[in-house]
Amino acid sequence: VQLQASGGGLVQAGGSLRLSCAASGRTFSNNVMGWFRQAPGKEREFVAAISRGGGTTWYADSVKGRYTISRDNVKNTLYLQMNSLKPEDTAVYYCAGDSSWSIRSVEVATEYDYWGQGTQVTVSS
């Protein structure tokens, strides 16, 4: 499966953006999917994840209540709705998928076996 992230951009603090991650291949619906982000000089960090059917979601404490992860298994697309953005949300955002059926922790980047190329989100103060 290949992933193509889009939707990043420059937004003022308090604004919103919606990221998309289009997946090619036939196994998207079988995979746990996640979003991570990496700011300059920092390690890649977990943002959100969603179960195969979309019924269960997980969020980092820093984005809980502001971000919403969702997926459309017909369109093979993962989404991240980001509201009330803050300057500290500035980062490159990556989508990722796990095809192993045995993910142990959705918050751990090494649990995911394929990644998109990243999309830049910049929040100005």
PDB file of N, CA and C in Angstrom:
ATOM      1  N   VAL A   1       0.847  -1.197   0.000  1.00  0.00           N
ATOM      2  CA  VAL A   1       0.000   0.000   0.000  1.00  0.00           C
ATOM      3  C   VAL A   1       0.879   1.241   0.000  1.00  0.00           C
ATOM      4  N   GLN A   2       0.541   2.216  -0.825  1.00  0.00           N
ATOM      5  CA  GLN A   2       1.246   3.498  -0.843  1.00  0.00           C
ATOM      6  C   GLN A   2       0.320   4.579  -0.316  1.00  0.00           C
ATOM      7  N   LEU A   3       0.915   5.554   0.401  1.00  0.00           N
ATOM      8  CA  LEU A   3       0.148   6.629   1.019  1.00  0.00           C
ATOM      9  C   LEU A   3       0.575   7.979   0.464  1.00  0.00           C
ATOM     10  N   GLN A   4      -0.400   8.857   0.220  1.00  0.00           N
ATOM     11  CA  GLN A   4      -0.143  10.204  -0.276  1.00  0.00           C
ATOM     12  C   GLN A   4      -0.886  11.182   0.615  1.00  0.00           C
ATOM     13  N   ALA A   5      -0.129  11.924   1.426  1.00  0.00           N
ATOM     14  CA  ALA A   5      -0.724  12.903   2.331  1.00  0.00           C
ATOM     15  C   ALA A   5      -0.857  14.251   1.650  1.00  0.00           C
ATOM     16  N   SER A   6      -1.906  14.980   2.021  1.00  0.00           N
ATOM     17  CA  SER A   6      -2.134  16.317   1.469  1.00  0.00           C
ATOM     18  C   SER A   6      -2.961  17.126   2.458  1.00  0.00           C
ATOM     19  N   GLY A   7      -3.088  18.425   2.165  1.00  0.00           N
ATOM     20  CA  GLY A   7      -3.954  19.276   2.965  1.00  0.00           C
ATOM     21  C   GLY A   7      -3.244  20.208   3.920  1.00  0.00           C
ATOM     22  N   GLY A   8      -1.921  20.082   4.016  1.00  0.00           N
ATOM     23  CA  GLY A   8      -1.181  20.972   4.885  1.00  0.00           C
ATOM     24  C   GLY A   8      -1.153  22.388   4.345  1.00  0.00           C
ATOM     25  N   GLY A   9      -0.650  23.299   5.162  1.00  0.00           N
ATOM     26  CA  GLY A   9      -0.558  24.681   4.735  1.00  0.00           C
ATOM     27  C   GLY A   9      -0.247  25.593   5.893  1.00  0.00           C
ATOM     28  N   LEU A  10      -0.409  26.892   5.633  1.00  0.00           N
ATOM     29  CA  LEU A  10      -0.168  27.926   6.630  1.00  0.00           C
ATOM     30  C   LEU A  10      -1.507  28.438   7.138  1.00  0.00           C
ATOM     31  N   VAL A  11      -1.665  28.466   8.453  1.00  0.00           N
ATOM     32  CA  VAL A  11      -2.919  28.909   9.049  1.00  0.00           C
ATOM     33  C   VAL A  11      -2.609  29.701  10.313  1.00  0.00           C
ATOM     34  N   GLN A  12      -3.476  30.634  10.642  1.00  0.00           N
ATOM     35  CA  GLN A  12      -3.294  31.403  11.874  1.00  0.00           C
ATOM     36  C   GLN A  12      -3.743  30.585  13.078  1.00  0.00           C
ATOM     37  N   ALA A  13      -3.198  30.918  14.209  1.00  0.00           N
ATOM     38  CA  ALA A  13      -3.608  30.267  15.453  1.00  0.00           C
ATOM     39  C   ALA A  13      -5.115  30.396  15.631  1.00  0.00           C
ATOM     40  N   GLY A  14      -5.726  29.287  16.052  1.00  0.00           N
ATOM     41  CA  GLY A  14      -7.173  29.236  16.194  1.00  0.00           C
ATOM     42  C   GLY A  14      -7.891  28.731  14.959  1.00  0.00           C
ATOM     43  N   GLY A  15      -7.170  28.611  13.864  1.00  0.00           N
ATOM     44  CA  GLY A  15      -7.763  28.160  12.624  1.00  0.00           C
ATOM     45  C   GLY A  15      -7.846  26.654  12.521  1.00  0.00           C
ATOM     46  N   SER A  16      -8.269  26.202  11.349  1.00  0.00           N
ATOM     47  CA  SER A  16      -8.488  24.761  11.125  1.00  0.00           C
ATOM     48  C   SER A  16      -7.864  24.331   9.810  1.00  0.00           C
ATOM     49  N   LEU A  17      -7.503  23.062   9.768  1.00  0.00           N
ATOM     50  CA  LEU A  17      -7.051  22.420   8.544  1.00  0.00           C
ATOM     51  C   LEU A  17      -7.561  20.984   8.545  1.00  0.00           C
ATOM     52  N   ARG A  18      -7.718  20.427   7.364  1.00  0.00           N
ATOM     53  CA  ARG A  18      -8.086  19.020   7.244  1.00  0.00           C
ATOM     54  C   ARG A  18      -7.066  18.312   6.377  1.00  0.00           C
ATOM     55  N   LEU A  19      -6.371  17.376   6.961  1.00  0.00           N
ATOM     56  CA  LEU A  19      -5.405  16.579   6.228  1.00  0.00           C
ATOM     57  C   LEU A  19      -6.078  15.334   5.656  1.00  0.00           C
ATOM     58  N   SER A  20      -5.607  14.936   4.489  1.00  0.00           N
ATOM     59  CA  SER A  20      -6.076  13.704   3.875  1.00  0.00           C
ATOM     60  C   SER A  20      -4.882  12.815   3.582  1.00  0.00           C
ATOM     61  N   CYS A  21      -5.134  11.533   3.545  1.00  0.00           N
ATOM     62  CA  CYS A  21      -4.089  10.567   3.221  1.00  0.00           C
ATOM     63  C   CYS A  21      -4.733   9.499   2.339  1.00  0.00           C
ATOM     64  N   ALA A  22      -4.424   9.567   1.054  1.00  0.00           N
ATOM     65  CA  ALA A  22      -5.014   8.640   0.097  1.00  0.00           C
ATOM     66  C   ALA A  22      -4.143   7.391  -0.017  1.00  0.00           C
ATOM     67  N   ALA A  23      -4.776   6.251   0.073  1.00  0.00           N
ATOM     68  CA  ALA A  23      -4.054   4.982   0.021  1.00  0.00           C
ATOM     69  C   ALA A  23      -4.356   4.254  -1.279  1.00  0.00           C
ATOM     70  N   SER A  24      -3.340   3.731  -1.880  1.00  0.00           N
ATOM     71  CA  SER A  24      -3.514   2.867  -3.046  1.00  0.00           C
ATOM     72  C   SER A  24      -3.350   1.425  -2.601  1.00  0.00           C
ATOM     73  N   GLY A  25      -3.979   0.517  -3.279  1.00  0.00           N
ATOM     74  CA  GLY A  25      -3.898  -0.872  -2.864  1.00  0.00           C
ATOM     75  C   GLY A  25      -5.222  -1.339  -2.300  1.00  0.00           C
ATOM     76  N   ARG A  26      -5.341  -2.630  -2.128  1.00  0.00           N
ATOM     77  CA  ARG A  26      -6.618  -3.201  -1.757  1.00  0.00           C
ATOM     78  C   ARG A  26      -6.747  -3.533  -0.280  1.00  0.00           C
ATOM     79  N   THR A  27      -5.714  -3.263   0.541  1.00  0.00           N
ATOM     80  CA  THR A  27      -5.749  -3.716   1.921  1.00  0.00           C
ATOM     81  C   THR A  27      -5.949  -2.599   2.929  1.00  0.00           C
ATOM     82  N   PHE A  28      -6.279  -1.393   2.471  1.00  0.00           N
ATOM     83  CA  PHE A  28      -6.420  -0.256   3.381  1.00  0.00           C
ATOM     84  C   PHE A  28      -7.368  -0.566   4.520  1.00  0.00           C
ATOM     85  N   SER A  29      -8.502  -1.145   4.225  1.00  0.00           N
ATOM     86  CA  SER A  29      -9.513  -1.386   5.252  1.00  0.00           C
ATOM     87  C   SER A  29      -9.064  -2.416   6.288  1.00  0.00           C
ATOM     88  N   ASN A  30      -8.019  -3.154   5.998  1.00  0.00           N
ATOM     89  CA  ASN A  30      -7.504  -4.158   6.933  1.00  0.00           C
ATOM     90  C   ASN A  30      -6.455  -3.603   7.882  1.00  0.00           C
ATOM     91  N   ASN A  31      -6.112  -2.336   7.712  1.00  0.00           N
ATOM     92  CA  ASN A  31      -4.979  -1.779   8.441  1.00  0.00           C
ATOM     93  C   ASN A  31      -5.378  -0.746   9.485  1.00  0.00           C
ATOM     94  N   VAL A  32      -4.761  -0.846  10.650  1.00  0.00           N
ATOM     95  CA  VAL A  32      -4.822   0.258  11.607  1.00  0.00           C
ATOM     96  C   VAL A  32      -4.035   1.420  10.998  1.00  0.00           C
ATOM     97  N   MET A  33      -4.580   2.618  11.106  1.00  0.00           N
ATOM     98  CA  MET A  33      -3.945   3.785  10.511  1.00  0.00           C
ATOM     99  C   MET A  33      -3.658   4.838  11.580  1.00  0.00           C
ATOM    100  N   GLY A  34      -2.606   5.605  11.354  1.00  0.00           N
ATOM    101  CA  GLY A  34      -2.238   6.618  12.328  1.00  0.00           C
ATOM    102  C   GLY A  34      -1.686   7.876  11.690  1.00  0.00           C
ATOM    103  N   TRP A  35      -1.668   8.922  12.476  1.00  0.00           N
ATOM    104  CA  TRP A  35      -1.008  10.182  12.118  1.00  0.00           C
ATOM    105  C   TRP A  35       0.082  10.454  13.151  1.00  0.00           C
ATOM    106  N   PHE A  36       1.229  10.875  12.644  1.00  0.00           N
ATOM    107  CA  PHE A  36       2.334  11.308  13.483  1.00  0.00           C
ATOM    108  C   PHE A  36       2.783  12.674  12.995  1.00  0.00           C
ATOM    109  N   ARG A  37       3.577  13.354  13.796  1.00  0.00           N
ATOM    110  CA  ARG A  37       4.126  14.639  13.365  1.00  0.00           C
ATOM    111  C   ARG A  37       5.543  14.792  13.882  1.00  0.00           C
ATOM    112  N   GLN A  38       6.294  15.612  13.162  1.00  0.00           N
ATOM    113  CA  GLN A  38       7.677  15.866  13.558  1.00  0.00           C
ATOM    114  C   GLN A  38       7.988  17.330  13.350  1.00  0.00           C
ATOM    115  N   ALA A  39       8.317  18.001  14.436  1.00  0.00           N
ATOM    116  CA  ALA A  39       8.725  19.401  14.395  1.00  0.00           C
ATOM    117  C   ALA A  39      10.240  19.461  14.252  1.00  0.00           C
ATOM    118  N   PRO A  40      10.755  20.577  13.734  1.00  0.00           N
ATOM    119  CA  PRO A  40      12.210  20.700  13.574  1.00  0.00           C
ATOM    120  C   PRO A  40      12.962  20.483  14.878  1.00  0.00           C
ATOM    121  N   GLY A  41      13.959  19.617  14.836  1.00  0.00           N
ATOM    122  CA  GLY A  41      14.769  19.367  16.012  1.00  0.00           C
ATOM    123  C   GLY A  41      14.146  18.454  17.043  1.00  0.00           C
ATOM    124  N   LYS A  42      12.962  17.918  16.725  1.00  0.00           N
ATOM    125  CA  LYS A  42      12.282  17.047  17.672  1.00  0.00           C
ATOM    126  C   LYS A  42      12.041  15.673  17.056  1.00  0.00           C
ATOM    127  N   GLU A  43      11.764  14.723  17.922  1.00  0.00           N
ATOM    128  CA  GLU A  43      11.465  13.377  17.452  1.00  0.00           C
ATOM    129  C   GLU A  43      10.038  13.304  16.919  1.00  0.00           C
ATOM    130  N   ARG A  44       9.820  12.322  16.076  1.00  0.00           N
ATOM    131  CA  ARG A  44       8.473  12.094  15.554  1.00  0.00           C
ATOM    132  C   ARG A  44       7.568  11.665  16.704  1.00  0.00           C
ATOM    133  N   GLU A  45       6.375  12.250  16.781  1.00  0.00           N
ATOM    134  CA  GLU A  45       5.483  11.955  17.881  1.00  0.00           C
ATOM    135  C   GLU A  45       4.112  11.534  17.378  1.00  0.00           C
ATOM    136  N   PHE A  46       3.484  10.695  18.170  1.00  0.00           N
ATOM    137  CA  PHE A  46       2.144  10.201  17.872  1.00  0.00           C
ATOM    138  C   PHE A  46       1.122  11.322  17.978  1.00  0.00           C
ATOM    139  N   VAL A  47       0.172  11.327  17.039  1.00  0.00           N
ATOM    140  CA  VAL A  47      -0.916  12.301  17.072  1.00  0.00           C
ATOM    141  C   VAL A  47      -2.257  11.595  17.290  1.00  0.00           C
ATOM    142  N   ALA A  48      -2.571  10.644  16.430  1.00  0.00           N
ATOM    143  CA  ALA A  48      -3.865   9.962  16.507  1.00  0.00           C
ATOM    144  C   ALA A  48      -3.802   8.659  15.725  1.00  0.00           C
ATOM    145  N   ALA A  49      -4.711   7.744  16.051  1.00  0.00           N
ATOM    146  CA  ALA A  49      -4.813   6.483  15.332  1.00  0.00           C
ATOM    147  C   ALA A  49      -6.266   6.047  15.297  1.00  0.00           C
ATOM    148  N   ILE A  50      -6.562   5.133  14.370  1.00  0.00           N
ATOM    149  CA  ILE A  50      -7.929   4.680  14.194  1.00  0.00           C
ATOM    150  C   ILE A  50      -7.916   3.201  13.829  1.00  0.00           C
ATOM    151  N   SER A  51      -8.885   2.483  14.354  1.00  0.00           N
ATOM    152  CA  SER A  51      -8.979   1.049  14.104  1.00  0.00           C
ATOM    153  C   SER A  51      -9.427   0.769  12.672  1.00  0.00           C
ATOM    154  N   ARG A  52      -9.383  -0.498  12.297  1.00  0.00           N
ATOM    155  CA  ARG A  52      -9.665  -0.888  10.903  1.00  0.00           C
ATOM    156  C   ARG A  52     -11.055  -0.454  10.449  1.00  0.00           C
ATOM    157  N   GLY A  53     -12.030  -0.631  11.310  1.00  0.00           N
ATOM    158  CA  GLY A  53     -13.400  -0.263  10.951  1.00  0.00           C
ATOM    159  C   GLY A  53     -13.761   1.164  11.279  1.00  0.00           C
ATOM    160  N   GLY A  54     -12.874   1.843  11.988  1.00  0.00           N
ATOM    161  CA  GLY A  54     -13.116   3.233  12.354  1.00  0.00           C
ATOM    162  C   GLY A  54     -13.857   3.415  13.668  1.00  0.00           C
ATOM    163  N   GLY A  55     -14.188   2.329  14.338  1.00  0.00           N
ATOM    164  CA  GLY A  55     -14.982   2.449  15.549  1.00  0.00           C
ATOM    165  C   GLY A  55     -14.213   2.850  16.785  1.00  0.00           C
ATOM    166  N   THR A  56     -12.894   2.711  16.734  1.00  0.00           N
ATOM    167  CA  THR A  56     -12.063   3.066  17.890  1.00  0.00           C
ATOM    168  C   THR A  56     -10.987   4.042  17.441  1.00  0.00           C
ATOM    169  N   THR A  57     -10.800   5.085  18.237  1.00  0.00           N
ATOM    170  CA  THR A  57      -9.781   6.093  17.951  1.00  0.00           C
ATOM    171  C   THR A  57      -8.934   6.336  19.188  1.00  0.00           C
ATOM    172  N   TRP A  58      -7.731   6.773  18.949  1.00  0.00           N
ATOM    173  CA  TRP A  58      -6.796   7.109  20.018  1.00  0.00           C
ATOM    174  C   TRP A  58      -6.180   8.470  19.701  1.00  0.00           C
ATOM    175  N   TYR A  59      -5.899   9.255  20.724  1.00  0.00           N
ATOM    176  CA  TYR A  59      -5.332  10.580  20.545  1.00  0.00           C
ATOM    177  C   TYR A  59      -4.232  10.852  21.563  1.00  0.00           C
ATOM    178  N   ALA A  60      -3.262  11.625  21.126  1.00  0.00           N
ATOM    179  CA  ALA A  60      -2.300  12.167  22.069  1.00  0.00           C
ATOM    180  C   ALA A  60      -3.007  13.205  22.936  1.00  0.00           C
ATOM    181  N   ASP A  61      -2.567  13.322  24.170  1.00  0.00           N
ATOM    182  CA  ASP A  61      -3.200  14.278  25.083  1.00  0.00           C
ATOM    183  C   ASP A  61      -3.131  15.706  24.537  1.00  0.00           C
ATOM    184  N   SER A  62      -2.075  16.012  23.808  1.00  0.00           N
ATOM    185  CA  SER A  62      -1.868  17.375  23.324  1.00  0.00           C
ATOM    186  C   SER A  62      -2.879  17.789  22.258  1.00  0.00           C
ATOM    187  N   VAL A  63      -3.549  16.818  21.639  1.00  0.00           N
ATOM    188  CA  VAL A  63      -4.498  17.163  20.573  1.00  0.00           C
ATOM    189  C   VAL A  63      -5.924  16.739  20.897  1.00  0.00           C
ATOM    190  N   LYS A  64      -6.094  16.050  22.000  1.00  0.00           N
ATOM    191  CA  LYS A  64      -7.427  15.536  22.360  1.00  0.00           C
ATOM    192  C   LYS A  64      -8.411  16.698  22.496  1.00  0.00           C
ATOM    193  N   GLY A  65      -9.570  16.544  21.881  1.00  0.00           N
ATOM    194  CA  GLY A  65     -10.579  17.588  21.920  1.00  0.00           C
ATOM    195  C   GLY A  65     -10.454  18.615  20.812  1.00  0.00           C
ATOM    196  N   ARG A  66      -9.324  18.611  20.113  1.00  0.00           N
ATOM    197  CA  ARG A  66      -9.112  19.563  19.012  1.00  0.00           C
ATOM    198  C   ARG A  66      -9.018  18.862  17.659  1.00  0.00           C
ATOM    199  N   TYR A  67      -8.486  17.664  17.652  1.00  0.00           N
ATOM    200  CA  TYR A  67      -8.291  16.909  16.424  1.00  0.00           C
ATOM    201  C   TYR A  67      -9.285  15.751  16.364  1.00  0.00           C
ATOM    202  N   THR A  68      -9.661  15.396  15.139  1.00  0.00           N
ATOM    203  CA  THR A  68     -10.520  14.228  14.922  1.00  0.00           C
ATOM    204  C   THR A  68      -9.961  13.400  13.772  1.00  0.00           C
ATOM    205  N   ILE A  69      -9.684  12.137  14.043  1.00  0.00           N
ATOM    206  CA  ILE A  69      -9.229  11.221  12.998  1.00  0.00           C
ATOM    207  C   ILE A  69     -10.435  10.440  12.497  1.00  0.00           C
ATOM    208  N   SER A  70     -10.458  10.214  11.200  1.00  0.00           N
ATOM    209  CA  SER A  70     -11.536   9.424  10.607  1.00  0.00           C
ATOM    210  C   SER A  70     -11.009   8.729   9.363  1.00  0.00           C
ATOM    211  N   ARG A  71     -11.802   7.824   8.830  1.00  0.00           N
ATOM    212  CA  ARG A  71     -11.382   7.103   7.623  1.00  0.00           C
ATOM    213  C   ARG A  71     -12.608   6.753   6.794  1.00  0.00           C
ATOM    214  N   ASP A  72     -12.376   6.641   5.505  1.00  0.00           N
ATOM    215  CA  ASP A  72     -13.399   6.206   4.572  1.00  0.00           C
ATOM    216  C   ASP A  72     -12.831   4.996   3.842  1.00  0.00           C
ATOM    217  N   ASN A  73     -13.290   3.812   4.219  1.00  0.00           N
ATOM    218  CA  ASN A  73     -12.723   2.595   3.651  1.00  0.00           C
ATOM    219  C   ASN A  73     -13.217   2.320   2.230  1.00  0.00           C
ATOM    220  N   VAL A  74     -14.207   3.048   1.778  1.00  0.00           N
ATOM    221  CA  VAL A  74     -14.634   2.939   0.382  1.00  0.00           C
ATOM    222  C   VAL A  74     -13.715   3.786  -0.498  1.00  0.00           C
ATOM    223  N   LYS A  75     -13.405   4.979  -0.017  1.00  0.00           N
ATOM    224  CA  LYS A  75     -12.514   5.877  -0.754  1.00  0.00           C
ATOM    225  C   LYS A  75     -11.037   5.617  -0.463  1.00  0.00           C
ATOM    226  N   ASN A  76     -10.755   4.666   0.443  1.00  0.00           N
ATOM    227  CA  ASN A  76      -9.355   4.379   0.813  1.00  0.00           C
ATOM    228  C   ASN A  76      -8.625   5.642   1.270  1.00  0.00           C
ATOM    229  N   THR A  77      -9.265   6.412   2.134  1.00  0.00           N
ATOM    230  CA  THR A  77      -8.689   7.677   2.560  1.00  0.00           C
ATOM    231  C   THR A  77      -8.785   7.838   4.072  1.00  0.00           C
ATOM    232  N   LEU A  78      -7.713   8.335   4.630  1.00  0.00           N
ATOM    233  CA  LEU A  78      -7.611   8.666   6.052  1.00  0.00           C
ATOM    234  C   LEU A  78      -7.656  10.180   6.187  1.00  0.00           C
ATOM    235  N   TYR A  79      -8.289  10.673   7.235  1.00  0.00           N
ATOM    236  CA  TYR A  79      -8.427  12.113   7.436  1.00  0.00           C
ATOM    237  C   TYR A  79      -7.956  12.510   8.843  1.00  0.00           C
ATOM    238  N   LEU A  80      -7.573  13.770   8.952  1.00  0.00           N
ATOM    239  CA  LEU A  80      -7.291  14.359  10.256  1.00  0.00           C
ATOM    240  C   LEU A  80      -7.833  15.782  10.242  1.00  0.00           C
ATOM    241  N   GLN A  81      -8.930  16.001  10.938  1.00  0.00           N
ATOM    242  CA  GLN A  81      -9.500  17.332  11.089  1.00  0.00           C
ATOM    243  C   GLN A  81      -8.840  18.002  12.282  1.00  0.00           C
ATOM    244  N   MET A  82      -8.220  19.142  12.037  1.00  0.00           N
ATOM    245  CA  MET A  82      -7.485  19.838  13.091  1.00  0.00           C
ATOM    246  C   MET A  82      -8.130  21.198  13.329  1.00  0.00           C
ATOM    247  N   ASN A  83      -8.644  21.399  14.518  1.00  0.00           N
ATOM    248  CA  ASN A  83      -9.284  22.658  14.899  1.00  0.00           C
ATOM    249  C   ASN A  83      -8.503  23.329  16.027  1.00  0.00           C
ATOM    250  N   SER A  84      -8.799  24.584  16.237  1.00  0.00           N
ATOM    251  CA  SER A  84      -8.154  25.357  17.315  1.00  0.00           C
ATOM    252  C   SER A  84      -6.641  25.172  17.290  1.00  0.00           C
ATOM    253  N   LEU A  85      -6.072  25.341  16.123  1.00  0.00           N
ATOM    254  CA  LEU A  85      -4.645  25.092  15.959  1.00  0.00           C
ATOM    255  C   LEU A  85      -3.814  26.092  16.750  1.00  0.00           C
ATOM    256  N   LYS A  86      -2.668  25.604  17.232  1.00  0.00           N
ATOM    257  CA  LYS A  86      -1.747  26.393  18.031  1.00  0.00           C
ATOM    258  C   LYS A  86      -0.389  26.421  17.336  1.00  0.00           C
ATOM    259  N   PRO A  87       0.428  27.419  17.603  1.00  0.00           N
ATOM    260  CA  PRO A  87       1.771  27.450  16.993  1.00  0.00           C
ATOM    261  C   PRO A  87       2.575  26.174  17.287  1.00  0.00           C
ATOM    262  N   GLU A  88       2.375  25.577  18.432  1.00  0.00           N
ATOM    263  CA  GLU A  88       3.104  24.355  18.774  1.00  0.00           C
ATOM    264  C   GLU A  88       2.637  23.132  17.976  1.00  0.00           C
ATOM    265  N   ASP A  89       1.589  23.281  17.191  1.00  0.00           N
ATOM    266  CA  ASP A  89       1.158  22.206  16.299  1.00  0.00           C
ATOM    267  C   ASP A  89       1.950  22.208  14.992  1.00  0.00           C
ATOM    268  N   THR A  90       2.774  23.210  14.795  1.00  0.00           N
ATOM    269  CA  THR A  90       3.584  23.301  13.584  1.00  0.00           C
ATOM    270  C   THR A  90       4.525  22.110  13.471  1.00  0.00           C
ATOM    271  N   ALA A  91       4.436  21.408  12.340  1.00  0.00           N
ATOM    272  CA  ALA A  91       5.240  20.201  12.141  1.00  0.00           C
ATOM    273  C   ALA A  91       4.953  19.652  10.748  1.00  0.00           C
ATOM    274  N   VAL A  92       5.755  18.685  10.359  1.00  0.00           N
ATOM    275  CA  VAL A  92       5.411  17.862   9.208  1.00  0.00           C
ATOM    276  C   VAL A  92       4.555  16.713   9.718  1.00  0.00           C
ATOM    277  N   TYR A  93       3.411  16.522   9.107  1.00  0.00           N
ATOM    278  CA  TYR A  93       2.479  15.482   9.528  1.00  0.00           C
ATOM    279  C   TYR A  93       2.570  14.295   8.570  1.00  0.00           C
ATOM    280  N   TYR A  94       2.668  13.109   9.153  1.00  0.00           N
ATOM    281  CA  TYR A  94       2.804  11.878   8.387  1.00  0.00           C
ATOM    282  C   TYR A  94       1.647  10.933   8.692  1.00  0.00           C
ATOM    283  N   CYS A  95       1.139  10.296   7.649  1.00  0.00           N
ATOM    284  CA  CYS A  95       0.202   9.208   7.875  1.00  0.00           C
ATOM    285  C   CYS A  95       0.954   7.887   7.776  1.00  0.00           C
ATOM    286  N   ALA A  96       0.454   6.903   8.460  1.00  0.00           N
ATOM    287  CA  ALA A  96       1.129   5.607   8.518  1.00  0.00           C
ATOM    288  C   ALA A  96       0.107   4.494   8.672  1.00  0.00           C
ATOM    289  N   GLY A  97       0.508   3.301   8.257  1.00  0.00           N
ATOM    290  CA  GLY A  97      -0.386   2.161   8.361  1.00  0.00           C
ATOM    291  C   GLY A  97       0.318   0.929   8.885  1.00  0.00           C
ATOM    292  N   ASP A  98      -0.439   0.082   9.533  1.00  0.00           N
ATOM    293  CA  ASP A  98       0.079  -1.192  10.025  1.00  0.00           C
ATOM    294  C   ASP A  98      -0.711  -2.326   9.396  1.00  0.00           C
ATOM    295  N   SER A  99      -0.011  -3.188   8.686  1.00  0.00           N
ATOM    296  CA  SER A  99      -0.675  -4.287   7.989  1.00  0.00           C
ATOM    297  C   SER A  99      -0.478  -5.633   8.671  1.00  0.00           C
ATOM    298  N   SER A 100       0.079  -5.609   9.888  1.00  0.00           N
ATOM    299  CA  SER A 100       0.479  -6.870  10.512  1.00  0.00           C
ATOM    300  C   SER A 100      -0.632  -7.601  11.240  1.00  0.00           C
ATOM    301  N   TRP A 101      -1.727  -6.929  11.531  1.00  0.00           N
ATOM    302  CA  TRP A 101      -2.805  -7.501  12.343  1.00  0.00           C
ATOM    303  C   TRP A 101      -2.345  -7.810  13.776  1.00  0.00           C
ATOM    304  N   SER A 102      -1.171  -7.288  14.153  1.00  0.00           N
ATOM    305  CA  SER A 102      -0.686  -7.584  15.502  1.00  0.00           C
ATOM    306  C   SER A 102      -0.037  -6.365  16.148  1.00  0.00           C
ATOM    307  N   ILE A 103      -0.537  -5.179  15.807  1.00  0.00           N
ATOM    308  CA  ILE A 103       0.046  -3.970  16.389  1.00  0.00           C
ATOM    309  C   ILE A 103      -0.128  -4.004  17.904  1.00  0.00           C
ATOM    310  N   ARG A 104       0.938  -3.666  18.613  1.00  0.00           N
ATOM    311  CA  ARG A 104       0.916  -3.732  20.071  1.00  0.00           C
ATOM    312  C   ARG A 104       0.623  -2.377  20.702  1.00  0.00           C
ATOM    313  N   SER A 105       1.130  -1.326  20.086  1.00  0.00           N
ATOM    314  CA  SER A 105       0.878   0.007  20.613  1.00  0.00           C
ATOM    315  C   SER A 105       0.729   0.970  19.461  1.00  0.00           C
ATOM    316  N   VAL A 106      -0.436   1.573  19.314  1.00  0.00           N
ATOM    317  CA  VAL A 106      -0.677   2.488  18.193  1.00  0.00           C
ATOM    318  C   VAL A 106       0.134   3.766  18.321  1.00  0.00           C
ATOM    319  N   GLU A 107       0.692   4.034  19.516  1.00  0.00           N
ATOM    320  CA  GLU A 107       1.438   5.267  19.733  1.00  0.00           C
ATOM    321  C   GLU A 107       2.908   5.154  19.337  1.00  0.00           C
ATOM    322  N   VAL A 108       3.339   3.961  18.977  1.00  0.00           N
ATOM    323  CA  VAL A 108       4.752   3.729  18.687  1.00  0.00           C
ATOM    324  C   VAL A 108       4.977   3.701  17.178  1.00  0.00           C
ATOM    325  N   ALA A 109       5.817   4.604  16.695  1.00  0.00           N
ATOM    326  CA  ALA A 109       6.014   4.747  15.255  1.00  0.00           C
ATOM    327  C   ALA A 109       6.557   3.478  14.602  1.00  0.00           C
ATOM    328  N   THR A 110       7.415   2.762  15.290  1.00  0.00           N
ATOM    329  CA  THR A 110       8.021   1.561  14.701  1.00  0.00           C
ATOM    330  C   THR A 110       7.038   0.417  14.535  1.00  0.00           C
ATOM    331  N   GLU A 111       5.850   0.544  15.079  1.00  0.00           N
ATOM    332  CA  GLU A 111       4.812  -0.480  14.904  1.00  0.00           C
ATOM    333  C   GLU A 111       4.169  -0.403  13.516  1.00  0.00           C
ATOM    334  N   TYR A 112       4.351   0.704  12.832  1.00  0.00           N
ATOM    335  CA  TYR A 112       3.739   0.907  11.525  1.00  0.00           C
ATOM    336  C   TYR A 112       4.739   0.516  10.435  1.00  0.00           C
ATOM    337  N   ASP A 113       4.257  -0.153   9.400  1.00  0.00           N
ATOM    338  CA  ASP A 113       5.200  -0.657   8.407  1.00  0.00           C
ATOM    339  C   ASP A 113       5.169   0.085   7.083  1.00  0.00           C
ATOM    340  N   TYR A 114       4.265   1.065   6.912  1.00  0.00           N
ATOM    341  CA  TYR A 114       4.364   1.894   5.715  1.00  0.00           C
ATOM    342  C   TYR A 114       3.901   3.308   6.042  1.00  0.00           C
ATOM    343  N   TRP A 115       4.520   4.272   5.321  1.00  0.00           N
ATOM    344  CA  TRP A 115       4.368   5.696   5.638  1.00  0.00           C
ATOM    345  C   TRP A 115       4.136   6.515   4.389  1.00  0.00           C
ATOM    346  N   GLY A 116       3.409   7.613   4.576  1.00  0.00           N
ATOM    347  CA  GLY A 116       3.291   8.612   3.535  1.00  0.00           C
ATOM    348  C   GLY A 116       4.473   9.566   3.580  1.00  0.00           C
ATOM    349  N   GLN A 117       4.509  10.513   2.652  1.00  0.00           N
ATOM    350  CA  GLN A 117       5.665  11.397   2.498  1.00  0.00           C
ATOM    351  C   GLN A 117       5.635  12.604   3.416  1.00  0.00           C
ATOM    352  N   GLY A 118       4.525  12.883   4.057  1.00  0.00           N
ATOM    353  CA  GLY A 118       4.448  14.020   4.961  1.00  0.00           C
ATOM    354  C   GLY A 118       3.887  15.262   4.295  1.00  0.00           C
ATOM    355  N   THR A 119       3.192  16.063   5.086  1.00  0.00           N
ATOM    356  CA  THR A 119       2.668  17.341   4.622  1.00  0.00           C
ATOM    357  C   THR A 119       2.907  18.381   5.708  1.00  0.00           C
ATOM    358  N   GLN A 120       3.382  19.544   5.310  1.00  0.00           N
ATOM    359  CA  GLN A 120       3.784  20.583   6.268  1.00  0.00           C
ATOM    360  C   GLN A 120       2.565  21.357   6.772  1.00  0.00           C
ATOM    361  N   VAL A 121       2.482  21.491   8.072  1.00  0.00           N
ATOM    362  CA  VAL A 121       1.470  22.339   8.716  1.00  0.00           C
ATOM    363  C   VAL A 121       2.206  23.415   9.498  1.00  0.00           C
ATOM    364  N   THR A 122       1.908  24.668   9.201  1.00  0.00           N
ATOM    365  CA  THR A 122       2.527  25.794   9.887  1.00  0.00           C
ATOM    366  C   THR A 122       1.431  26.667  10.480  1.00  0.00           C
ATOM    367  N   VAL A 123       1.522  26.887  11.789  1.00  0.00           N
ATOM    368  CA  VAL A 123       0.524  27.691  12.492  1.00  0.00           C
ATOM    369  C   VAL A 123       1.215  28.958  12.990  1.00  0.00           C
ATOM    370  N   SER A 124       0.756  30.090  12.518  1.00  0.00           N
ATOM    371  CA  SER A 124       1.358  31.368  12.917  1.00  0.00           C
ATOM    372  C   SER A 124       0.614  31.945  14.118  1.00  0.00           C
ATOM    373  N   SER A 125       1.365  32.662  14.936  1.00  0.00           N
ATOM    374  CA  SER A 125       0.761  33.257  16.142  1.00  0.00           C
ATOM    375  C   SER A 125       0.197  34.632  15.860  1.00  0.00           C
TER     376      SER A 125
END
